[in-house]
Protein backbone atom coordinates (compact mmCIF):
# COMPACT_ATOMS: atom_id res chain seq x y z
CA UNK A 1 18.89 -48.40 89.72
CA UNK A 2 17.33 -51.93 89.84
CA UNK A 3 19.69 -54.35 89.88
CA UNK A 4 17.15 -57.11 89.05
CA UNK A 5 15.70 -56.50 85.65
CA UNK A 6 12.02 -57.81 84.48
CA UNK A 7 10.99 -57.61 81.11
CA UNK A 8 8.02 -59.48 81.96
CA UNK A 9 4.83 -57.96 81.66
CA UNK A 10 1.22 -59.26 82.64
CA UNK A 11 -1.19 -58.41 80.06
CA UNK A 12 -5.10 -58.29 81.38
CA UNK A 13 -8.17 -57.17 79.27
CA UNK A 14 -10.64 -55.78 81.39
CA UNK A 15 -13.41 -55.33 79.00
CA UNK A 16 -15.90 -52.67 79.50
CA UNK A 17 -15.19 -51.22 82.87
CA UNK A 18 -16.25 -48.13 84.94
CA UNK A 19 -13.25 -45.39 84.70
CA UNK A 20 -13.14 -45.39 88.68
CA UNK A 21 -12.85 -49.10 88.74
CA UNK A 22 -10.17 -48.96 86.44
CA UNK A 23 -8.30 -46.18 88.30
CA UNK A 24 -8.68 -47.63 91.44
CA UNK A 25 -7.09 -50.76 89.98
CA UNK A 26 -4.15 -49.20 88.50
CA UNK A 27 -3.27 -47.64 91.78
CA UNK A 28 -3.28 -50.93 93.59
CA UNK A 29 -0.93 -52.24 90.80
CA UNK A 30 0.70 -48.87 90.91
CA UNK A 31 1.26 -48.85 94.61
CA UNK A 32 2.20 -52.59 94.71
CA UNK A 33 5.39 -51.93 92.11
CA UNK A 34 6.62 -48.77 94.18
CA UNK A 35 6.33 -50.70 97.62
CA UNK A 36 8.62 -53.72 96.08
CA UNK A 37 10.77 -50.80 94.92
CA UNK A 38 11.35 -49.24 98.63
CA UNK A 39 11.88 -53.11 100.14
CA UNK A 40 14.59 -53.68 97.60
CA UNK A 41 16.54 -50.33 98.53
CA UNK A 42 20.00 -51.08 100.20
CA UNK A 43 19.27 -54.75 99.48
CA UNK A 44 22.42 -56.51 97.25
CA UNK A 45 20.97 -57.64 93.98
CA UNK A 46 20.59 -61.60 95.06
CA UNK A 47 18.05 -60.34 97.90
CA UNK A 48 16.34 -58.01 95.71
CA UNK A 49 12.87 -59.08 94.21
CA UNK A 50 12.00 -58.27 90.76
CA UNK A 51 9.41 -55.43 90.32
CA UNK A 52 6.36 -56.63 88.36
CA UNK A 53 4.88 -54.47 85.01
CA UNK A 54 1.42 -54.79 84.01
CA UNK A 55 -0.62 -53.86 80.75
CA UNK A 56 -4.12 -53.06 80.86
CA UNK A 57 -6.57 -52.53 77.66
CA UNK A 58 -9.92 -51.65 78.34
CA UNK A 59 -12.83 -49.81 77.52
CA UNK A 60 -14.98 -47.21 79.54
CA UNK A 61 -18.66 -46.24 79.75
CA UNK A 62 -18.84 -42.73 78.60
CA UNK A 63 -16.72 -40.46 81.10
CA UNK A 64 -14.91 -37.01 80.67
CA UNK A 65 -11.43 -37.17 83.13
CA UNK A 66 -9.10 -33.70 83.41
CA UNK A 67 -5.83 -34.18 84.39
CA UNK A 68 -3.97 -31.74 87.19
CA UNK A 69 -2.88 -29.47 85.18
CA UNK A 70 -6.17 -29.37 83.02
CA UNK A 71 -8.96 -26.34 83.00
CA UNK A 72 -12.11 -26.96 84.03
CA UNK A 73 -13.62 -24.43 81.55
CA UNK A 74 -12.72 -26.89 78.56
CA UNK A 75 -15.75 -29.09 79.72
CA UNK A 76 -18.78 -27.72 78.01
CA UNK A 77 -21.50 -29.18 80.05
CA UNK A 78 -23.02 -28.51 83.24
CA UNK A 79 -23.39 -30.92 86.14
CA UNK A 80 -26.87 -31.43 85.68
CA UNK A 81 -26.28 -31.91 81.55
CA UNK A 82 -23.80 -34.95 82.46
CA UNK A 83 -26.66 -36.55 84.65
CA UNK A 84 -29.19 -36.48 82.11
CA UNK A 85 -26.69 -37.50 79.23
CA UNK A 86 -25.18 -40.35 82.05
CA UNK A 87 -21.93 -39.04 81.32
CA UNK A 88 -19.42 -39.40 84.54
CA UNK A 89 -16.84 -36.61 85.29
CA UNK A 90 -13.32 -37.05 87.14
CA UNK A 91 -10.75 -34.82 88.15
CA UNK A 92 -7.73 -36.87 88.58
CA UNK A 93 -3.93 -37.17 88.58
CA UNK A 94 -2.10 -37.90 85.22
CA UNK A 95 -0.65 -35.13 83.32
CA UNK A 96 -2.45 -33.56 80.38
CA UNK A 97 -6.39 -31.71 80.03
CA UNK A 98 -9.51 -32.97 79.46
CA UNK A 99 -10.32 -35.91 76.97
CA UNK A 100 -13.48 -38.42 76.87
CA UNK A 101 -13.28 -42.00 76.97
CA UNK A 102 -16.09 -44.34 75.84
CA UNK A 103 -17.15 -47.61 73.95
CA UNK A 104 -15.56 -48.12 71.32
CA UNK A 105 -12.60 -46.59 72.53
CA UNK A 106 -9.44 -48.56 72.89
CA UNK A 107 -7.74 -47.43 76.53
CA UNK A 108 -4.33 -48.72 77.21
CA UNK A 109 -2.92 -48.47 80.98
CA UNK A 110 0.75 -49.24 80.92
CA UNK A 111 1.13 -49.51 84.88
CA UNK A 112 5.22 -50.51 84.77
CA UNK A 113 8.52 -49.85 86.35
CA UNK A 114 10.36 -47.99 83.77
CA UNK A 115 13.53 -48.98 85.46
CA UNK A 116 13.09 -52.29 83.85
CA UNK A 117 13.29 -50.74 80.50
CA UNK A 118 14.54 -47.22 80.11
CA UNK A 119 14.41 -44.00 82.37
CA UNK A 120 13.35 -41.68 80.02
CA UNK A 121 9.81 -39.80 79.92
CA UNK A 122 10.12 -38.19 76.63
CA UNK A 123 11.46 -41.94 75.04
CA UNK A 124 8.29 -43.43 76.80
CA UNK A 125 5.53 -41.22 75.54
CA UNK A 126 6.98 -41.28 71.98
CA UNK A 127 6.94 -45.36 72.03
CA UNK A 128 3.60 -45.04 73.26
CA UNK A 129 2.93 -42.89 70.26
CA UNK A 130 4.51 -44.58 67.73
CA UNK A 131 2.83 -48.14 68.67
CA UNK A 132 -0.56 -46.28 67.64
CA UNK A 133 1.21 -44.99 64.79
CA UNK A 134 2.33 -48.85 63.63
CA UNK A 135 -0.97 -50.21 64.23
CA UNK A 136 -3.35 -47.34 62.34
CA UNK A 137 -0.85 -48.15 59.69
CA UNK A 138 -2.15 -51.53 59.30
CA UNK A 139 -5.08 -50.08 57.90
CA UNK A 140 -3.88 -47.74 55.67
CA UNK A 141 -3.85 -44.50 58.06
CA UNK A 142 -0.90 -42.32 57.95
CA UNK A 143 -0.67 -41.32 61.67
CA UNK A 144 2.42 -39.06 63.21
CA UNK A 145 3.32 -36.26 65.58
CA UNK A 146 2.77 -32.74 65.74
CA UNK A 147 5.56 -30.41 67.47
CA UNK A 148 4.55 -29.51 71.31
CA UNK A 149 1.59 -31.70 71.42
CA UNK A 150 1.41 -35.18 72.76
CA UNK A 151 -0.48 -37.93 70.74
CA UNK A 152 -0.98 -39.43 67.80
CA UNK A 153 -2.52 -37.22 64.63
CA UNK A 154 -3.71 -37.58 60.99
CA UNK A 155 -2.61 -34.58 58.50
CA UNK A 156 0.49 -33.83 60.88
CA UNK A 157 2.52 -32.71 58.21
CA UNK A 158 -0.21 -29.74 57.87
CA UNK A 159 -0.72 -29.09 62.01
CA UNK A 160 -3.71 -26.71 60.96
CA UNK A 161 -5.56 -29.86 59.57
CA UNK A 162 -4.47 -32.08 62.07
CA UNK A 163 -7.27 -34.41 63.16
CA UNK A 164 -6.30 -36.54 66.92
CA UNK A 165 -6.88 -40.15 66.74
CA UNK A 166 -5.03 -40.72 69.68
CA UNK A 167 -4.97 -38.93 73.29
CA UNK A 168 -1.91 -39.57 75.60
CA UNK A 169 -1.44 -38.64 79.78
CA UNK A 170 0.57 -40.59 81.93
CA UNK A 171 1.61 -40.11 85.90
CA UNK A 172 5.01 -41.49 86.66
CA UNK A 173 6.28 -41.31 90.75
CA UNK A 174 9.74 -43.19 91.77
CA UNK A 175 10.11 -44.19 87.85
CA UNK A 176 6.52 -46.11 87.82
CA UNK A 177 4.09 -45.03 85.30
CA UNK A 178 0.24 -45.19 84.87
CA UNK A 179 -2.51 -43.91 83.09
CA UNK A 180 -1.77 -43.91 79.21
CA UNK A 181 -3.41 -43.54 76.04
CA UNK A 182 -6.95 -43.53 74.41
CA UNK A 183 -7.02 -44.67 70.54
CA UNK A 184 -10.54 -43.90 69.14
CA UNK A 185 -11.44 -47.40 67.11
CA UNK A 186 -14.84 -47.23 66.69
CA UNK A 187 -15.97 -44.18 69.42
CA UNK A 188 -18.73 -42.11 69.21
CA UNK A 189 -17.08 -38.61 68.15
CA UNK A 190 -20.14 -36.71 68.99
CA UNK A 191 -18.84 -36.67 72.66
CA UNK A 192 -15.74 -34.79 71.98
CA UNK A 193 -18.26 -31.68 70.87
CA UNK A 194 -19.20 -31.36 75.06
CA UNK A 195 -15.39 -30.74 75.95
CA UNK A 196 -12.22 -28.75 74.14
CA UNK A 197 -10.09 -32.04 73.49
CA UNK A 198 -7.03 -32.03 75.71
CA UNK A 199 -7.36 -27.98 75.72
CA UNK A 200 -6.80 -27.57 71.93
CA UNK A 201 -9.57 -25.77 70.32
CA UNK A 202 -8.30 -25.41 66.63
CA UNK A 203 -8.45 -28.93 65.67
CA UNK A 204 -10.41 -31.97 64.97
CA UNK A 205 -10.71 -35.57 66.69
CA UNK A 206 -11.09 -38.64 64.39
CA UNK A 207 -11.12 -42.54 64.66
CA UNK A 208 -9.81 -45.41 62.91
CA UNK A 209 -13.55 -45.93 61.89
CA UNK A 210 -14.25 -42.34 60.48
CA UNK A 211 -10.69 -42.58 58.80
CA UNK A 212 -11.78 -46.13 57.19
CA UNK A 213 -15.46 -45.56 56.57
CA UNK A 214 -16.16 -48.55 57.92
CA UNK A 215 -16.42 -50.18 61.95
CA UNK A 216 -13.39 -52.35 62.36
CA UNK A 217 -12.81 -55.37 64.69
CA UNK A 218 -12.04 -54.18 68.36
CA UNK A 219 -10.18 -57.27 68.78
CA UNK A 220 -8.02 -57.26 65.67
CA UNK A 221 -6.82 -53.61 66.97
CA UNK A 222 -6.07 -54.82 70.58
CA UNK A 223 -3.77 -57.61 69.44
CA UNK A 224 -1.84 -55.35 66.77
CA UNK A 225 -1.07 -52.97 69.34
CA UNK A 226 -0.08 -55.50 71.91
CA UNK A 227 2.26 -56.47 69.57
CA UNK A 228 3.48 -53.37 68.41
CA UNK A 229 4.15 -52.26 72.11
CA UNK A 230 5.91 -55.30 72.92
CA UNK A 231 8.21 -55.06 70.36
CA UNK A 232 9.07 -51.20 70.97
CA UNK A 233 9.73 -51.78 74.60
CA UNK A 234 11.17 -55.30 74.09
CA UNK A 235 8.22 -56.61 76.51
CA UNK A 236 7.96 -60.38 77.30
CA UNK A 237 3.97 -60.26 77.63
CA UNK A 238 2.47 -62.53 79.86
CA UNK A 239 -1.48 -63.56 80.17
CA UNK A 240 -2.83 -62.61 83.74
């Protein structure tokens, strides 16, 4: 466990950025945190350095990503079709199955040392979901959870009619987390028709726009969600 606890979290909005570039940046930050943890090992508390934490928000050009335990058959397009449509595809090192990222979707990547907050993966995922649930509530949307499934759902009390509004997928090692969540704000939901989203074939996908019947301000959603996450995790947000 860390002897020096650091609740400060550097926040950075990367804007519209390619998936690979954001993934590489996350990996760099992740490796830096792990390196600090390893260098602290065995040192007295007064000689240890605090491990840094980061929260990245961004949007991606059209891309499908498949988690390490996912089924490649859940991508319903061939390679030539992906190229024709200008969609990238990556097999990545997070948990979960296949999902879509694209413009109008708020993607959040907390790259944090969980030992600065708590060491409980289940709690970590549930608090990410709770941040989204509280955020969409500001738009009059009731979000919830479906037992056995990650993410945030509309109509969660009637699972057979559930609509997913936010997907989650994370990687952790030495209690350092990366990857995160994807909240459909004004995203083009047609792109989900080319996959079996998260490997779940019997449930629909939705967005804030689809639920309220109009486009919403992305910067406003970002500000609300950042505030909700900071409160839930007891983060001290610092603009990077």
